[in-house]
Amino acid sequence: MKKYTKAFILSFFILILSSIYAAEKTDPYEQVFLYARALEQGGAAEQAQTEYKRYIFMQDYSEGLHQTECFDCLAGLYAQDQSWDLAADNIYRAILSATREGLDNEYIDSLRLRHIYYLRMQCQTEKTPACNNLLFFSYMNLPDFSQEVKKAALCQDLKNAVENYRWDYARTQYNRTVAEFPGLFTQQENEIINRSFDNIQNYKPKKQMLAGYLSFFPGLGQLYAGDYLDSLNAFLLNGSIITVSVYSICTMDLWTFSLLEFPPLRQFMKGNIYNAQKDAYYHNLHKIDEYSEPIKNILSSR
């Protein structure tokens, strides 16, 4: 009995000492972190990044009283520089650190919302679908995350699809988002979005190849593409050169035609064909942007 009593007393004293040690635990590199915060608040972003990195480097990954906050601040600085890949990487580390420390779920969700935004901006910069990113896909589909996180991921994925002109996927994702979160958009917003999708689907784009063929007649290709000013310029300029060239041929002044008129005629015709195709491309792009602008405006507020 005495043997067990001694063991109990010893265990009790070890527990007390451990509690005292834990209570008195300090971060030996806290001044580095505080210096980094002061630099950031003073507008010295680049120096602040260096000091935040120093703080991370000078301790183990699992230690430090300001580990989560450090990754959080560093991610914000990278976001200011539009270094979205580094911002996404550091905010994800902040999430891991906050989860390990058992911090408040509401705070962790706020970090996840920023992570979703950074991932979308990274994918937008790289011109890749956001849903192809494994972490982004997890936020949209796994049941481990809150409804707020899932809703944000779906909205950002929808915006990514619209910005990258992936209309079939965008409409499918929109229908899924509305089905899972019926109150996300108002009735008027749903009508606007559906009308925009219908306009995009029904739009018949100008054909660049046809614009090029039509431009063999000066200005006709640009007229087809909807650029009336460019059409007039092409008609007057190219038409004048063609008229002069035809006159030289008819009068058998082949020397003037071959040396002075044919080279610029050939260059202007090539430019005419190129400009007509370019005008057709930008006309289509402008119309699609015009139809999709209401969708972007609605999503920007979500």
C-alpha atoms as a PDB file:
ATOM      1  CA  MET A   1       0.000   0.000   0.000  1.00  0.00           C
ATOM      2  CA  LYS A   2       2.856   2.379   0.891  1.00  0.00           C
ATOM      3  CA  LYS A   3       4.445   1.499  -2.422  1.00  0.00           C
ATOM      4  CA  TYR A   4       1.376   2.718  -4.371  1.00  0.00           C
ATOM      5  CA  THR A   5       1.078   5.790  -2.136  1.00  0.00           C
ATOM      6  CA  LYS A   6       4.631   6.863  -2.950  1.00  0.00           C
ATOM      7  CA  ALA A   7       4.011   6.339  -6.647  1.00  0.00           C
ATOM      8  CA  PHE A   8       0.842   8.414  -6.477  1.00  0.00           C
ATOM      9  CA  ILE A   9       2.593  11.254  -4.633  1.00  0.00           C
ATOM     10  CA  LEU A  10       5.460  11.200  -7.131  1.00  0.00           C
ATOM     11  CA  SER A  11       3.070  11.312 -10.068  1.00  0.00           C
ATOM     12  CA  PHE A  12       1.178  14.152  -8.440  1.00  0.00           C
ATOM     13  CA  PHE A  13       4.349  16.254  -8.014  1.00  0.00           C
ATOM     14  CA  ILE A  14       5.392  15.540 -11.624  1.00  0.00           C
ATOM     15  CA  LEU A  15       1.969  16.726 -12.808  1.00  0.00           C
ATOM     16  CA  ILE A  16       2.258  19.926 -10.739  1.00  0.00           C
ATOM     17  CA  LEU A  17       5.739  20.644 -12.081  1.00  0.00           C
ATOM     18  CA  SER A  18       4.585  20.025 -15.650  1.00  0.00           C
ATOM     19  CA  SER A  19       1.678  22.426 -15.190  1.00  0.00           C
ATOM     20  CA  ILE A  20       3.995  25.114 -13.797  1.00  0.00           C
ATOM     21  CA  TYR A  21       6.373  24.623 -16.716  1.00  0.00           C
ATOM     22  CA  ALA A  22       3.562  24.839 -19.227  1.00  0.00           C
ATOM     23  CA  ALA A  23       2.209  27.979 -17.593  1.00  0.00           C
ATOM     24  CA  GLU A  24       5.617  29.627 -17.664  1.00  0.00           C
ATOM     25  CA  LYS A  25       6.441  28.533 -21.231  1.00  0.00           C
ATOM     26  CA  THR A  26       7.632  31.439 -23.301  1.00  0.00           C
ATOM     27  CA  ASP A  27       8.636  31.933 -26.879  1.00  0.00           C
ATOM     28  CA  PRO A  28      12.365  32.798 -27.026  1.00  0.00           C
ATOM     29  CA  TYR A  29      11.909  34.306 -30.514  1.00  0.00           C
ATOM     30  CA  GLU A  30       8.838  36.369 -29.750  1.00  0.00           C
ATOM     31  CA  GLN A  31      10.775  39.606 -30.258  1.00  0.00           C
ATOM     32  CA  VAL A  32      11.487  38.572 -33.849  1.00  0.00           C
ATOM     33  CA  PHE A  33       7.779  38.168 -34.487  1.00  0.00           C
ATOM     34  CA  LEU A  34       6.911  41.463 -32.800  1.00  0.00           C
ATOM     35  CA  TYR A  35       9.596  43.213 -34.845  1.00  0.00           C
ATOM     36  CA  ALA A  36       8.100  41.741 -38.017  1.00  0.00           C
ATOM     37  CA  ARG A  37       4.646  42.992 -37.023  1.00  0.00           C
ATOM     38  CA  ALA A  38       6.036  46.470 -36.380  1.00  0.00           C
ATOM     39  CA  LEU A  39       7.688  46.475 -39.808  1.00  0.00           C
ATOM     40  CA  GLU A  40       4.450  45.393 -41.470  1.00  0.00           C
ATOM     41  CA  GLN A  41       2.419  48.060 -39.685  1.00  0.00           C
ATOM     42  CA  GLY A  42       5.043  50.622 -40.679  1.00  0.00           C
ATOM     43  CA  GLY A  43       4.671  49.739 -44.359  1.00  0.00           C
ATOM     44  CA  ALA A  44       8.000  47.931 -44.731  1.00  0.00           C
ATOM     45  CA  ALA A  45       6.427  44.846 -46.322  1.00  0.00           C
ATOM     46  CA  GLU A  46       9.569  43.314 -47.791  1.00  0.00           C
ATOM     47  CA  GLN A  47      11.525  43.560 -44.524  1.00  0.00           C
ATOM     48  CA  ALA A  48       8.512  42.198 -42.648  1.00  0.00           C
ATOM     49  CA  GLN A  49       8.445  39.140 -44.913  1.00  0.00           C
ATOM     50  CA  THR A  50      12.109  38.523 -44.124  1.00  0.00           C
ATOM     51  CA  GLU A  51      11.530  38.719 -40.373  1.00  0.00           C
ATOM     52  CA  TYR A  52       8.465  36.469 -40.497  1.00  0.00           C
ATOM     53  CA  LYS A  53      10.525  33.900 -42.392  1.00  0.00           C
ATOM     54  CA  ARG A  54      13.295  34.291 -39.801  1.00  0.00           C
ATOM     55  CA  TYR A  55      10.809  33.587 -37.017  1.00  0.00           C
ATOM     56  CA  ILE A  56       9.623  30.427 -38.754  1.00  0.00           C
ATOM     57  CA  PHE A  57      13.163  29.259 -39.456  1.00  0.00           C
ATOM     58  CA  MET A  58      14.394  29.804 -35.880  1.00  0.00           C
ATOM     59  CA  GLN A  59      12.050  27.260 -34.311  1.00  0.00           C
ATOM     60  CA  ASP A  60      10.587  23.849 -34.842  1.00  0.00           C
ATOM     61  CA  TYR A  61       7.403  23.676 -36.884  1.00  0.00           C
ATOM     62  CA  SER A  62       5.416  22.536 -33.841  1.00  0.00           C
ATOM     63  CA  GLU A  63       6.664  25.266 -31.478  1.00  0.00           C
ATOM     64  CA  GLY A  64       6.252  28.993 -31.094  1.00  0.00           C
ATOM     65  CA  LEU A  65       3.460  31.021 -29.559  1.00  0.00           C
ATOM     66  CA  HIS A  66       2.861  32.982 -32.761  1.00  0.00           C
ATOM     67  CA  GLN A  67       3.235  30.246 -35.353  1.00  0.00           C
ATOM     68  CA  THR A  68      -0.299  30.483 -36.749  1.00  0.00           C
ATOM     69  CA  GLU A  69      -0.347  34.254 -36.675  1.00  0.00           C
ATOM     70  CA  CYS A  70       3.030  34.381 -38.424  1.00  0.00           C
ATOM     71  CA  PHE A  71       1.860  32.243 -41.345  1.00  0.00           C
ATOM     72  CA  ASP A  72      -1.352  34.285 -41.486  1.00  0.00           C
ATOM     73  CA  CYS A  73       0.513  37.595 -41.715  1.00  0.00           C
ATOM     74  CA  LEU A  74       3.008  36.246 -44.225  1.00  0.00           C
ATOM     75  CA  ALA A  75       0.160  35.038 -46.456  1.00  0.00           C
ATOM     76  CA  GLY A  76      -1.401  38.495 -46.358  1.00  0.00           C
ATOM     77  CA  LEU A  77       1.854  40.119 -47.455  1.00  0.00           C
ATOM     78  CA  TYR A  78       2.227  37.699 -50.360  1.00  0.00           C
ATOM     79  CA  ALA A  79      -1.369  38.431 -51.356  1.00  0.00           C
ATOM     80  CA  GLN A  80      -0.549  42.154 -51.485  1.00  0.00           C
ATOM     81  CA  ASP A  81       2.212  41.300 -53.978  1.00  0.00           C
ATOM     82  CA  GLN A  82      -0.261  39.080 -55.874  1.00  0.00           C
ATOM     83  CA  SER A  83       2.019  36.095 -55.279  1.00  0.00           C
ATOM     84  CA  TRP A  84      -1.043  33.899 -54.993  1.00  0.00           C
ATOM     85  CA  ASP A  85       0.792  30.569 -54.881  1.00  0.00           C
ATOM     86  CA  LEU A  86       2.885  31.668 -51.876  1.00  0.00           C
ATOM     87  CA  ALA A  87      -0.150  33.259 -50.232  1.00  0.00           C
ATOM     88  CA  ALA A  88      -2.142  30.025 -50.612  1.00  0.00           C
ATOM     89  CA  ASP A  89       0.766  27.926 -49.294  1.00  0.00           C
ATOM     90  CA  ASN A  90       1.258  30.043 -46.167  1.00  0.00           C
ATOM     91  CA  ILE A  91      -2.422  30.366 -45.305  1.00  0.00           C
ATOM     92  CA  TYR A  92      -2.682  26.585 -45.586  1.00  0.00           C
ATOM     93  CA  ARG A  93       0.202  26.275 -43.104  1.00  0.00           C
ATOM     94  CA  ALA A  94      -1.669  28.664 -40.834  1.00  0.00           C
ATOM     95  CA  ILE A  95      -4.711  26.371 -41.031  1.00  0.00           C
ATOM     96  CA  LEU A  96      -2.613  23.330 -40.097  1.00  0.00           C
ATOM     97  CA  SER A  97      -1.009  25.203 -37.222  1.00  0.00           C
ATOM     98  CA  ALA A  98      -4.337  26.521 -35.925  1.00  0.00           C
ATOM     99  CA  THR A  99      -5.879  23.043 -36.118  1.00  0.00           C
ATOM    100  CA  ARG A 100      -2.952  21.528 -34.251  1.00  0.00           C
ATOM    101  CA  GLU A 101      -3.184  24.183 -31.529  1.00  0.00           C
ATOM    102  CA  GLY A 102      -6.927  23.593 -31.182  1.00  0.00           C
ATOM    103  CA  LEU A 103      -7.882  27.178 -31.952  1.00  0.00           C
ATOM    104  CA  ASP A 104     -11.461  28.345 -32.409  1.00  0.00           C
ATOM    105  CA  ASN A 105     -13.289  26.749 -35.364  1.00  0.00           C
ATOM    106  CA  GLU A 106     -14.658  30.103 -36.447  1.00  0.00           C
ATOM    107  CA  TYR A 107     -11.117  31.468 -36.792  1.00  0.00           C
ATOM    108  CA  ILE A 108      -9.988  28.369 -38.690  1.00  0.00           C
ATOM    109  CA  ASP A 109     -12.954  28.747 -41.057  1.00  0.00           C
ATOM    110  CA  SER A 110     -11.961  32.369 -41.686  1.00  0.00           C
ATOM    111  CA  LEU A 111      -8.519  31.105 -42.684  1.00  0.00           C
ATOM    112  CA  ARG A 112     -10.116  28.541 -44.991  1.00  0.00           C
ATOM    113  CA  LEU A 113     -12.217  31.224 -46.675  1.00  0.00           C
ATOM    114  CA  ARG A 114      -9.061  33.175 -47.449  1.00  0.00           C
ATOM    115  CA  HIS A 115      -7.368  29.981 -48.621  1.00  0.00           C
ATOM    116  CA  ILE A 116     -10.208  29.382 -51.076  1.00  0.00           C
ATOM    117  CA  TYR A 117      -9.855  32.900 -52.449  1.00  0.00           C
ATOM    118  CA  TYR A 118      -6.058  32.610 -52.796  1.00  0.00           C
ATOM    119  CA  LEU A 119      -6.382  29.255 -54.545  1.00  0.00           C
ATOM    120  CA  ARG A 120      -8.905  30.708 -56.990  1.00  0.00           C
ATOM    121  CA  MET A 121      -6.630  33.662 -57.747  1.00  0.00           C
ATOM    122  CA  GLN A 122      -3.693  31.296 -58.204  1.00  0.00           C
ATOM    123  CA  CYS A 123      -5.678  29.182 -60.655  1.00  0.00           C
ATOM    124  CA  GLN A 124      -6.898  32.306 -62.440  1.00  0.00           C
ATOM    125  CA  THR A 125      -3.316  33.522 -62.862  1.00  0.00           C
ATOM    126  CA  GLU A 126      -2.231  30.132 -64.169  1.00  0.00           C
ATOM    127  CA  LYS A 127      -5.346  29.844 -66.393  1.00  0.00           C
ATOM    128  CA  THR A 128      -6.271  26.491 -64.855  1.00  0.00           C
ATOM    129  CA  PRO A 129      -9.639  25.250 -63.532  1.00  0.00           C
ATOM    130  CA  ALA A 130      -9.946  25.766 -59.780  1.00  0.00           C
ATOM    131  CA  CYS A 131     -11.757  22.434 -59.386  1.00  0.00           C
ATOM    132  CA  ASN A 132      -8.603  20.635 -60.568  1.00  0.00           C
ATOM    133  CA  ASN A 133      -6.796  21.756 -57.413  1.00  0.00           C
ATOM    134  CA  LEU A 134      -7.062  18.961 -54.837  1.00  0.00           C
ATOM    135  CA  LEU A 135      -7.506  21.268 -51.837  1.00  0.00           C
ATOM    136  CA  PHE A 136     -10.115  23.365 -53.647  1.00  0.00           C
ATOM    137  CA  PHE A 137     -11.930  20.196 -54.708  1.00  0.00           C
ATOM    138  CA  SER A 138     -11.910  19.034 -51.072  1.00  0.00           C
ATOM    139  CA  TYR A 139     -13.515  22.243 -49.856  1.00  0.00           C
ATOM    140  CA  MET A 140     -16.341  21.783 -52.362  1.00  0.00           C
ATOM    141  CA  ASN A 141     -17.039  18.095 -51.817  1.00  0.00           C
ATOM    142  CA  LEU A 142     -15.807  16.713 -48.499  1.00  0.00           C
ATOM    143  CA  PRO A 143     -18.194  16.732 -45.513  1.00  0.00           C
ATOM    144  CA  ASP A 144     -15.350  17.703 -43.140  1.00  0.00           C
ATOM    145  CA  PHE A 145     -15.894  21.421 -43.717  1.00  0.00           C
ATOM    146  CA  SER A 146     -18.645  23.806 -42.695  1.00  0.00           C
ATOM    147  CA  GLN A 147     -21.442  24.850 -45.029  1.00  0.00           C
ATOM    148  CA  GLU A 148     -20.000  28.367 -45.159  1.00  0.00           C
ATOM    149  CA  VAL A 149     -16.689  27.025 -46.452  1.00  0.00           C
ATOM    150  CA  LYS A 150     -18.395  24.794 -49.012  1.00  0.00           C
ATOM    151  CA  LYS A 151     -20.598  27.647 -50.221  1.00  0.00           C
ATOM    152  CA  ALA A 152     -17.578  29.916 -50.656  1.00  0.00           C
ATOM    153  CA  ALA A 153     -15.707  27.222 -52.577  1.00  0.00           C
ATOM    154  CA  LEU A 154     -18.639  26.656 -54.939  1.00  0.00           C
ATOM    155  CA  CYS A 155     -19.003  30.393 -55.605  1.00  0.00           C
ATOM    156  CA  GLN A 156     -15.293  30.856 -56.262  1.00  0.00           C
ATOM    157  CA  ASP A 157     -15.239  27.818 -58.550  1.00  0.00           C
ATOM    158  CA  LEU A 158     -18.216  29.204 -60.456  1.00  0.00           C
ATOM    159  CA  LYS A 159     -16.478  32.559 -60.825  1.00  0.00           C
ATOM    160  CA  ASN A 160     -13.306  30.822 -62.030  1.00  0.00           C
ATOM    161  CA  ALA A 161     -15.307  28.944 -64.671  1.00  0.00           C
ATOM    162  CA  VAL A 162     -16.986  32.159 -65.879  1.00  0.00           C
ATOM    163  CA  GLU A 163     -13.688  34.041 -66.073  1.00  0.00           C
ATOM    164  CA  ASN A 164     -12.160  31.204 -68.110  1.00  0.00           C
ATOM    165  CA  TYR A 165     -15.176  30.969 -70.478  1.00  0.00           C
ATOM    166  CA  ARG A 166     -16.016  27.360 -69.505  1.00  0.00           C
ATOM    167  CA  TRP A 167     -19.732  27.895 -69.954  1.00  0.00           C
ATOM    168  CA  ASP A 168     -21.051  24.320 -69.865  1.00  0.00           C
ATOM    169  CA  TYR A 169     -19.229  23.621 -66.615  1.00  0.00           C
ATOM    170  CA  ALA A 170     -20.205  27.028 -65.219  1.00  0.00           C
ATOM    171  CA  ARG A 171     -23.920  26.406 -65.784  1.00  0.00           C
ATOM    172  CA  THR A 172     -23.695  22.905 -64.290  1.00  0.00           C
ATOM    173  CA  GLN A 173     -21.889  24.281 -61.239  1.00  0.00           C
ATOM    174  CA  TYR A 174     -24.397  27.104 -60.910  1.00  0.00           C
ATOM    175  CA  ASN A 175     -27.299  24.620 -60.883  1.00  0.00           C
ATOM    176  CA  ARG A 176     -25.517  22.566 -58.236  1.00  0.00           C
ATOM    177  CA  THR A 177     -24.836  25.641 -56.094  1.00  0.00           C
ATOM    178  CA  VAL A 178     -28.465  26.776 -56.258  1.00  0.00           C
ATOM    179  CA  ALA A 179     -29.678  23.259 -55.437  1.00  0.00           C
ATOM    180  CA  GLU A 180     -27.448  23.034 -52.336  1.00  0.00           C
ATOM    181  CA  PHE A 181     -27.912  26.663 -51.216  1.00  0.00           C
ATOM    182  CA  PRO A 182     -31.348  27.799 -52.450  1.00  0.00           C
ATOM    183  CA  GLY A 183     -31.189  31.127 -50.643  1.00  0.00           C
ATOM    184  CA  LEU A 184     -27.774  32.139 -51.944  1.00  0.00           C
ATOM    185  CA  PHE A 185     -29.182  34.265 -54.793  1.00  0.00           C
ATOM    186  CA  THR A 186     -32.406  36.250 -54.883  1.00  0.00           C
ATOM    187  CA  GLN A 187     -35.091  35.427 -57.431  1.00  0.00           C
ATOM    188  CA  GLN A 188     -34.108  38.463 -59.494  1.00  0.00           C
ATOM    189  CA  GLU A 189     -30.421  37.437 -59.429  1.00  0.00           C
ATOM    190  CA  ASN A 190     -31.309  33.913 -60.521  1.00  0.00           C
ATOM    191  CA  GLU A 191     -33.288  35.324 -63.441  1.00  0.00           C
ATOM    192  CA  ILE A 192     -30.371  37.563 -64.455  1.00  0.00           C
ATOM    193  CA  ILE A 193     -27.866  34.703 -64.264  1.00  0.00           C
ATOM    194  CA  ASN A 194     -30.049  32.310 -66.261  1.00  0.00           C
ATOM    195  CA  ARG A 195     -30.739  34.989 -68.880  1.00  0.00           C
ATOM    196  CA  SER A 196     -27.015  35.643 -69.198  1.00  0.00           C
ATOM    197  CA  PHE A 197     -26.276  31.943 -69.648  1.00  0.00           C
ATOM    198  CA  ASP A 198     -29.019  31.746 -72.301  1.00  0.00           C
ATOM    199  CA  ASN A 199     -27.583  34.747 -74.156  1.00  0.00           C
ATOM    200  CA  ILE A 200     -24.115  33.197 -74.148  1.00  0.00           C
ATOM    201  CA  GLN A 201     -25.423  29.820 -75.277  1.00  0.00           C
ATOM    202  CA  ASN A 202     -27.515  31.324 -78.098  1.00  0.00           C
ATOM    203  CA  TYR A 203     -24.868  33.745 -79.311  1.00  0.00           C
ATOM    204  CA  LYS A 204     -23.556  32.947 -82.783  1.00  0.00           C
ATOM    205  CA  PRO A 205     -19.941  34.140 -82.948  1.00  0.00           C
ATOM    206  CA  LYS A 206     -18.433  35.862 -85.940  1.00  0.00           C
ATOM    207  CA  LYS A 207     -16.249  33.463 -87.925  1.00  0.00           C
ATOM    208  CA  GLN A 208     -12.667  34.616 -88.154  1.00  0.00           C
ATOM    209  CA  MET A 209     -11.979  32.607 -91.311  1.00  0.00           C
ATOM    210  CA  LEU A 210     -14.958  34.148 -93.069  1.00  0.00           C
ATOM    211  CA  ALA A 211     -13.854  37.628 -91.991  1.00  0.00           C
ATOM    212  CA  GLY A 212     -10.476  36.919 -93.560  1.00  0.00           C
ATOM    213  CA  TYR A 213     -11.976  35.795 -96.876  1.00  0.00           C
ATOM    214  CA  LEU A 214     -14.346  38.771 -97.012  1.00  0.00           C
ATOM    215  CA  SER A 215     -11.472  41.177 -96.459  1.00  0.00           C
ATOM    216  CA  PHE A 216     -10.164  40.426 -99.982  1.00  0.00           C
ATOM    217  CA  PHE A 217     -12.678  43.135-100.799  1.00  0.00           C
ATOM    218  CA  PRO A 218     -11.244  46.072 -98.795  1.00  0.00           C
ATOM    219  CA  GLY A 219     -13.216  46.771 -95.630  1.00  0.00           C
ATOM    220  CA  LEU A 220     -15.811  44.035 -96.064  1.00  0.00           C
ATOM    221  CA  GLY A 221     -14.215  41.721 -93.491  1.00  0.00           C
ATOM    222  CA  GLN A 222     -14.085  44.494 -90.876  1.00  0.00           C
ATOM    223  CA  LEU A 223     -17.665  45.431 -91.692  1.00  0.00           C
ATOM    224  CA  TYR A 224     -18.726  41.821 -91.051  1.00  0.00           C
ATOM    225  CA  ALA A 225     -16.778  41.858 -87.775  1.00  0.00           C
ATOM    226  CA  GLY A 226     -18.629  44.982 -86.644  1.00  0.00           C
ATOM    227  CA  ASP A 227     -15.705  47.420 -86.702  1.00  0.00           C
ATOM    228  CA  TYR A 228     -17.141  50.138 -88.930  1.00  0.00           C
ATOM    229  CA  LEU A 229     -14.326  52.651 -88.502  1.00  0.00           C
ATOM    230  CA  ASP A 230     -11.676  50.067 -89.370  1.00  0.00           C
ATOM    231  CA  SER A 231     -13.831  49.011 -92.313  1.00  0.00           C
ATOM    232  CA  LEU A 232     -13.930  52.570 -93.664  1.00  0.00           C
ATOM    233  CA  ASN A 233     -10.173  52.999 -93.232  1.00  0.00           C
ATOM    234  CA  ALA A 234      -9.477  49.716 -95.013  1.00  0.00           C
ATOM    235  CA  PHE A 235     -11.840  50.610 -97.850  1.00  0.00           C
ATOM    236  CA  LEU A 236     -10.265  54.031 -98.446  1.00  0.00           C
ATOM    237  CA  LEU A 237      -6.632  52.983 -98.052  1.00  0.00           C
ATOM    238  CA  ASN A 238      -6.625  49.593 -99.721  1.00  0.00           C
ATOM    239  CA  GLY A 239      -9.201  50.679-102.263  1.00  0.00           C
ATOM    240  CA  SER A 240      -6.990  53.584-103.331  1.00  0.00           C
ATOM    241  CA  ILE A 241      -3.925  51.360-103.734  1.00  0.00           C
ATOM    242  CA  ILE A 242      -5.918  48.776-105.686  1.00  0.00           C
ATOM    243  CA  THR A 243      -7.352  51.485-107.956  1.00  0.00           C
ATOM    244  CA  VAL A 244      -3.886  52.863-108.708  1.00  0.00           C
ATOM    245  CA  SER A 245      -2.526  49.354-109.280  1.00  0.00           C
ATOM    246  CA  VAL A 246      -5.341  48.453-111.662  1.00  0.00           C
ATOM    247  CA  TYR A 247      -4.736  51.665-113.592  1.00  0.00           C
ATOM    248  CA  SER A 248      -1.015  50.842-113.935  1.00  0.00           C
ATOM    249  CA  ILE A 249      -1.814  47.350-115.190  1.00  0.00           C
ATOM    250  CA  CYS A 250      -4.393  48.620-117.671  1.00  0.00           C
ATOM    251  CA  THR A 251      -1.916  51.180-119.050  1.00  0.00           C
ATOM    252  CA  MET A 252       0.799  48.487-119.128  1.00  0.00           C
ATOM    253  CA  ASP A 253       2.939  50.491-116.715  1.00  0.00           C
ATOM    254  CA  LEU A 254       4.238  47.257-115.204  1.00  0.00           C
ATOM    255  CA  TRP A 255       7.474  48.831-114.045  1.00  0.00           C
ATOM    256  CA  THR A 256       5.674  51.250-111.724  1.00  0.00           C
ATOM    257  CA  PHE A 257       3.272  48.538-110.608  1.00  0.00           C
ATOM    258  CA  SER A 258       5.972  45.977-109.746  1.00  0.00           C
ATOM    259  CA  LEU A 259       8.333  48.391-107.983  1.00  0.00           C
ATOM    260  CA  LEU A 260       6.122  50.995-106.356  1.00  0.00           C
ATOM    261  CA  GLU A 261       2.613  49.607-106.063  1.00  0.00           C
ATOM    262  CA  PHE A 262       2.688  45.828-105.678  1.00  0.00           C
ATOM    263  CA  PRO A 263       4.867  45.629-102.483  1.00  0.00           C
ATOM    264  CA  PRO A 264       2.661  47.989-100.444  1.00  0.00           C
ATOM    265  CA  LEU A 265      -0.442  46.424-101.963  1.00  0.00           C
ATOM    266  CA  ARG A 266       0.642  42.987-100.780  1.00  0.00           C
ATOM    267  CA  GLN A 267       1.482  44.264 -97.266  1.00  0.00           C
ATOM    268  CA  PHE A 268      -1.760  46.187 -96.944  1.00  0.00           C
ATOM    269  CA  MET A 269      -3.787  43.171 -98.101  1.00  0.00           C
ATOM    270  CA  LYS A 270      -2.065  40.933 -95.530  1.00  0.00           C
ATOM    271  CA  GLY A 271      -2.727  43.527 -92.855  1.00  0.00           C
ATOM    272  CA  ASN A 272      -6.317  43.840 -94.014  1.00  0.00           C
ATOM    273  CA  ILE A 273      -6.909  40.089 -93.660  1.00  0.00           C
ATOM    274  CA  TYR A 274      -5.215  39.975 -90.250  1.00  0.00           C
ATOM    275  CA  ASN A 275      -7.149  42.978 -88.929  1.00  0.00           C
ATOM    276  CA  ALA A 276     -10.458  41.528 -90.098  1.00  0.00           C
ATOM    277  CA  GLN A 277      -9.792  38.262 -88.251  1.00  0.00           C
ATOM    278  CA  LYS A 278      -8.625  40.162 -85.182  1.00  0.00           C
ATOM    279  CA  ASP A 279     -11.743  42.335 -85.248  1.00  0.00           C
ATOM    280  CA  ALA A 280     -13.930  39.222 -85.426  1.00  0.00           C
ATOM    281  CA  TYR A 281     -12.117  37.680 -82.445  1.00  0.00           C
ATOM    282  CA  TYR A 282     -12.431  40.804 -80.289  1.00  0.00           C
ATOM    283  CA  HIS A 283     -16.039  41.303 -81.323  1.00  0.00           C
ATOM    284  CA  ASN A 284     -16.860  37.810 -80.036  1.00  0.00           C
ATOM    285  CA  LEU A 285     -14.881  38.407 -76.862  1.00  0.00           C
ATOM    286  CA  HIS A 286     -16.615  41.719 -76.253  1.00  0.00           C
ATOM    287  CA  LYS A 287     -20.076  40.214 -76.691  1.00  0.00           C
ATOM    288  CA  ILE A 288     -19.336  37.290 -74.372  1.00  0.00           C
ATOM    289  CA  ASP A 289     -17.925  39.672 -71.751  1.00  0.00           C
ATOM    290  CA  GLU A 290     -21.018  41.830 -72.131  1.00  0.00           C
ATOM    291  CA  TYR A 291     -23.323  38.851 -71.561  1.00  0.00           C
ATOM    292  CA  SER A 292     -21.277  37.471 -68.658  1.00  0.00           C
ATOM    293  CA  GLU A 293     -20.757  40.796 -66.862  1.00  0.00           C
ATOM    294  CA  PRO A 294     -24.019  40.519 -64.840  1.00  0.00           C
ATOM    295  CA  ILE A 295     -22.937  37.081 -63.579  1.00  0.00           C
ATOM    296  CA  LYS A 296     -19.534  38.424 -62.508  1.00  0.00           C
ATOM    297  CA  ASN A 297     -21.144  41.378 -60.735  1.00  0.00           C
ATOM    298  CA  ILE A 298     -23.463  39.107 -58.761  1.00  0.00           C
ATOM    299  CA  LEU A 299     -20.708  36.646 -57.857  1.00  0.00           C
ATOM    300  CA  SER A 300     -18.365  39.441 -56.770  1.00  0.00           C
ATOM    301  CA  SER A 301     -20.688  40.145 -53.844  1.00  0.00           C
ATOM    302  CA  ARG A 302     -20.653  36.519 -52.661  1.00  0.00           C
END
